[in-house]
Amino acid sequence: MKVRVLYFASVREKLGRDAEELELPADVSTIAGLRTHLRARGGAWAEALAESRLLRTAVNQDMAPPAAAIKPGDEVAFFPPVTGG
């Protein structure tokens, strides 16, 4: 399944990128699963997406909880609770 992942604010700064297209393994079907998958990259990924970090998520620009399902073609965003403007 291919999805587009967006990173905002401090997450973007830590990762050095604002977006990427990913082909996900068959066992990744929720936001929580995607976050775990990305964290497994290690280094900055493990730090920026650590379980202990409070992050908000959205699917196709709608706020979504970690258990929310993701489908092929979805856009998933990770961002801290407060983003400056």
N, C-alpha and C. Protein backbone atom coordinates (compact mmCIF):
# COMPACT_ATOMS: atom_id res chain seq x y z
N MET A 1 0.85 -1.17 0.00
CA MET A 1 0.00 0.00 0.00
C MET A 1 0.90 1.23 0.00
N LYS A 2 0.59 2.16 -0.89
CA LYS A 2 1.37 3.39 -0.97
C LYS A 2 0.59 4.53 -0.31
N VAL A 3 1.29 5.29 0.55
CA VAL A 3 0.70 6.46 1.22
C VAL A 3 1.68 7.62 1.13
N ARG A 4 1.16 8.81 1.33
CA ARG A 4 2.00 10.01 1.43
C ARG A 4 2.03 10.42 2.89
N VAL A 5 3.23 10.65 3.42
CA VAL A 5 3.38 11.02 4.83
C VAL A 5 3.95 12.43 4.90
N LEU A 6 3.30 13.28 5.69
CA LEU A 6 3.72 14.66 5.87
C LEU A 6 4.24 14.85 7.30
N TYR A 7 5.29 15.65 7.43
CA TYR A 7 5.89 15.95 8.74
C TYR A 7 5.87 17.46 8.94
N PHE A 8 5.42 17.90 10.12
CA PHE A 8 5.30 19.33 10.39
C PHE A 8 6.10 19.73 11.63
N ALA A 9 6.48 21.00 11.66
CA ALA A 9 7.10 21.66 12.81
C ALA A 9 8.34 20.90 13.29
N SER A 10 8.41 20.58 14.59
CA SER A 10 9.62 19.96 15.15
C SER A 10 9.89 18.57 14.56
N VAL A 11 8.85 17.87 14.14
CA VAL A 11 9.05 16.55 13.51
C VAL A 11 9.81 16.75 12.19
N ARG A 12 9.38 17.71 11.40
CA ARG A 12 10.05 18.03 10.13
C ARG A 12 11.50 18.44 10.38
N GLU A 13 11.72 19.27 11.39
CA GLU A 13 13.08 19.73 11.70
C GLU A 13 14.00 18.58 12.07
N LYS A 14 13.52 17.67 12.90
CA LYS A 14 14.34 16.53 13.32
C LYS A 14 14.65 15.58 12.16
N LEU A 15 13.68 15.41 11.26
CA LEU A 15 13.85 14.45 10.17
C LEU A 15 14.51 15.06 8.93
N GLY A 16 14.49 16.38 8.84
CA GLY A 16 15.10 17.03 7.69
C GLY A 16 14.32 16.87 6.41
N ARG A 17 13.04 16.62 6.52
CA ARG A 17 12.17 16.50 5.34
C ARG A 17 10.75 16.84 5.75
N ASP A 18 9.96 17.25 4.75
CA ASP A 18 8.58 17.61 5.07
C ASP A 18 7.57 16.59 4.56
N ALA A 19 8.00 15.69 3.69
CA ALA A 19 7.05 14.69 3.15
C ALA A 19 7.81 13.57 2.47
N GLU A 20 7.11 12.46 2.28
CA GLU A 20 7.64 11.34 1.49
C GLU A 20 6.50 10.42 1.08
N GLU A 21 6.71 9.71 0.00
CA GLU A 21 5.79 8.66 -0.46
C GLU A 21 6.37 7.34 0.02
N LEU A 22 5.53 6.51 0.60
CA LEU A 22 6.00 5.23 1.13
C LEU A 22 5.16 4.08 0.63
N GLU A 23 5.81 2.98 0.34
CA GLU A 23 5.15 1.71 0.07
C GLU A 23 5.23 0.94 1.38
N LEU A 24 4.09 0.70 2.01
CA LEU A 24 4.07 0.07 3.33
C LEU A 24 3.91 -1.43 3.24
N PRO A 25 4.50 -2.15 4.20
CA PRO A 25 4.29 -3.60 4.26
C PRO A 25 2.82 -3.91 4.56
N ALA A 26 2.39 -5.09 4.23
CA ALA A 26 0.99 -5.50 4.39
C ALA A 26 0.52 -5.43 5.83
N ASP A 27 1.43 -5.57 6.80
CA ASP A 27 1.01 -5.57 8.20
C ASP A 27 0.85 -4.17 8.80
N VAL A 28 1.10 -3.13 8.03
CA VAL A 28 0.92 -1.75 8.50
C VAL A 28 -0.40 -1.22 7.95
N SER A 29 -1.38 -1.06 8.85
CA SER A 29 -2.72 -0.66 8.39
C SER A 29 -3.36 0.43 9.24
N THR A 30 -2.63 0.92 10.25
CA THR A 30 -3.14 1.98 11.12
C THR A 30 -2.07 3.06 11.28
N ILE A 31 -2.49 4.20 11.82
CA ILE A 31 -1.51 5.26 12.09
C ILE A 31 -0.47 4.77 13.08
N ALA A 32 -0.89 4.07 14.12
CA ALA A 32 0.05 3.55 15.12
C ALA A 32 1.05 2.60 14.47
N GLY A 33 0.58 1.75 13.58
CA GLY A 33 1.47 0.84 12.87
C GLY A 33 2.46 1.58 11.98
N LEU A 34 1.99 2.63 11.34
CA LEU A 34 2.88 3.45 10.50
C LEU A 34 3.95 4.12 11.36
N ARG A 35 3.54 4.66 12.49
CA ARG A 35 4.51 5.31 13.38
C ARG A 35 5.56 4.32 13.85
N THR A 36 5.15 3.13 14.24
CA THR A 36 6.09 2.08 14.65
C THR A 36 7.03 1.71 13.51
N HIS A 37 6.48 1.57 12.32
CA HIS A 37 7.27 1.25 11.13
C HIS A 37 8.34 2.31 10.88
N LEU A 38 7.96 3.57 10.97
CA LEU A 38 8.90 4.66 10.74
C LEU A 38 9.95 4.73 11.85
N ARG A 39 9.53 4.51 13.09
CA ARG A 39 10.45 4.54 14.23
C ARG A 39 11.54 3.48 14.08
N ALA A 40 11.21 2.38 13.46
CA ALA A 40 12.17 1.27 13.28
C ALA A 40 13.35 1.67 12.39
N ARG A 41 13.25 2.80 11.70
CA ARG A 41 14.39 3.28 10.92
C ARG A 41 15.56 3.68 11.81
N GLY A 42 15.26 3.94 13.08
CA GLY A 42 16.29 4.30 14.05
C GLY A 42 16.70 5.76 13.96
N GLY A 43 17.72 6.13 14.72
CA GLY A 43 18.28 7.47 14.70
C GLY A 43 17.24 8.56 14.92
N ALA A 44 17.25 9.56 14.04
CA ALA A 44 16.32 10.69 14.16
C ALA A 44 14.88 10.23 14.10
N TRP A 45 14.61 9.15 13.37
CA TRP A 45 13.24 8.63 13.25
C TRP A 45 12.75 8.12 14.60
N ALA A 46 13.59 7.37 15.29
CA ALA A 46 13.21 6.83 16.59
C ALA A 46 12.98 7.97 17.58
N GLU A 47 13.77 9.02 17.48
CA GLU A 47 13.63 10.17 18.39
C GLU A 47 12.40 11.01 18.05
N ALA A 48 12.23 11.37 16.79
CA ALA A 48 11.14 12.27 16.39
C ALA A 48 9.76 11.63 16.58
N LEU A 49 9.69 10.30 16.42
CA LEU A 49 8.41 9.60 16.49
C LEU A 49 8.30 8.70 17.72
N ALA A 50 9.15 8.95 18.71
CA ALA A 50 9.17 8.13 19.93
C ALA A 50 7.77 8.04 20.55
N GLU A 51 7.49 6.90 21.11
CA GLU A 51 6.18 6.68 21.74
C GLU A 51 5.91 7.68 22.84
N SER A 52 6.97 8.13 23.51
CA SER A 52 6.82 9.08 24.61
C SER A 52 6.51 10.50 24.14
N ARG A 53 6.70 10.78 22.85
CA ARG A 53 6.41 12.12 22.32
C ARG A 53 4.94 12.24 21.98
N LEU A 54 4.33 13.31 22.46
CA LEU A 54 2.94 13.57 22.15
C LEU A 54 2.87 14.17 20.74
N LEU A 55 2.25 13.43 19.84
CA LEU A 55 2.08 13.90 18.47
C LEU A 55 0.62 13.79 18.08
N ARG A 56 0.18 14.70 17.29
CA ARG A 56 -1.15 14.64 16.69
C ARG A 56 -1.01 14.02 15.32
N THR A 57 -2.09 13.44 14.84
CA THR A 57 -2.07 12.85 13.51
C THR A 57 -3.36 13.17 12.76
N ALA A 58 -3.24 13.18 11.47
CA ALA A 58 -4.39 13.42 10.61
C ALA A 58 -4.30 12.49 9.41
N VAL A 59 -5.45 12.07 8.92
CA VAL A 59 -5.54 11.29 7.69
C VAL A 59 -6.40 12.10 6.73
N ASN A 60 -5.83 12.41 5.59
CA ASN A 60 -6.54 13.20 4.57
C ASN A 60 -7.10 14.49 5.16
N GLN A 61 -6.28 15.13 5.99
CA GLN A 61 -6.56 16.43 6.61
C GLN A 61 -7.65 16.41 7.67
N ASP A 62 -8.02 15.23 8.14
CA ASP A 62 -8.95 15.11 9.25
C ASP A 62 -8.21 14.51 10.44
N MET A 63 -8.34 15.13 11.61
CA MET A 63 -7.70 14.60 12.81
C MET A 63 -8.11 13.14 12.99
N ALA A 64 -7.13 12.32 13.40
CA ALA A 64 -7.40 10.89 13.54
C ALA A 64 -6.60 10.32 14.71
N PRO A 65 -7.17 9.36 15.43
CA PRO A 65 -6.46 8.71 16.55
C PRO A 65 -5.47 7.67 16.02
N PRO A 66 -4.55 7.24 16.88
CA PRO A 66 -3.56 6.24 16.46
C PRO A 66 -4.17 4.95 15.89
N ALA A 67 -5.34 4.56 16.35
CA ALA A 67 -5.96 3.32 15.88
C ALA A 67 -6.66 3.47 14.54
N ALA A 68 -6.69 4.69 13.99
CA ALA A 68 -7.38 4.92 12.71
C ALA A 68 -6.72 4.13 11.59
N ALA A 69 -7.56 3.54 10.77
CA ALA A 69 -7.08 2.77 9.62
C ALA A 69 -6.57 3.71 8.53
N ILE A 70 -5.56 3.23 7.81
CA ILE A 70 -5.08 3.95 6.64
C ILE A 70 -5.25 3.05 5.42
N LYS A 71 -5.53 3.70 4.28
CA LYS A 71 -5.79 2.97 3.04
C LYS A 71 -4.83 3.45 1.96
N PRO A 72 -4.69 2.68 0.89
CA PRO A 72 -3.83 3.10 -0.21
C PRO A 72 -4.24 4.50 -0.70
N GLY A 73 -3.25 5.34 -0.91
CA GLY A 73 -3.50 6.69 -1.41
C GLY A 73 -3.76 7.73 -0.34
N ASP A 74 -3.86 7.30 0.92
CA ASP A 74 -4.10 8.26 2.00
C ASP A 74 -2.90 9.17 2.21
N GLU A 75 -3.19 10.34 2.78
CA GLU A 75 -2.17 11.29 3.20
C GLU A 75 -2.22 11.31 4.73
N VAL A 76 -1.09 10.97 5.36
CA VAL A 76 -1.02 10.91 6.82
C VAL A 76 -0.05 11.98 7.29
N ALA A 77 -0.46 12.79 8.26
CA ALA A 77 0.38 13.86 8.77
C ALA A 77 0.70 13.63 10.25
N PHE A 78 1.95 13.93 10.61
CA PHE A 78 2.41 13.89 12.00
C PHE A 78 2.83 15.30 12.38
N PHE A 79 2.34 15.77 13.56
CA PHE A 79 2.71 17.12 13.99
C PHE A 79 2.55 17.23 15.51
N PRO A 80 3.32 18.13 16.12
CA PRO A 80 3.18 18.32 17.57
C PRO A 80 1.84 18.99 17.89
N PRO A 81 1.40 18.91 19.15
CA PRO A 81 0.10 19.44 19.53
C PRO A 81 -0.08 20.93 19.21
N VAL A 82 0.98 21.71 19.32
CA VAL A 82 0.88 23.13 19.05
C VAL A 82 1.91 23.48 17.99
N THR A 83 1.46 23.99 16.87
CA THR A 83 2.38 24.44 15.84
C THR A 83 2.24 25.95 15.73
N GLY A 84 3.36 26.62 15.80
CA GLY A 84 3.35 28.09 15.76
C GLY A 84 2.90 28.61 14.40
N GLY A 85 2.52 29.87 14.38
CA GLY A 85 2.02 30.42 13.13
C GLY A 85 2.58 31.74 12.79
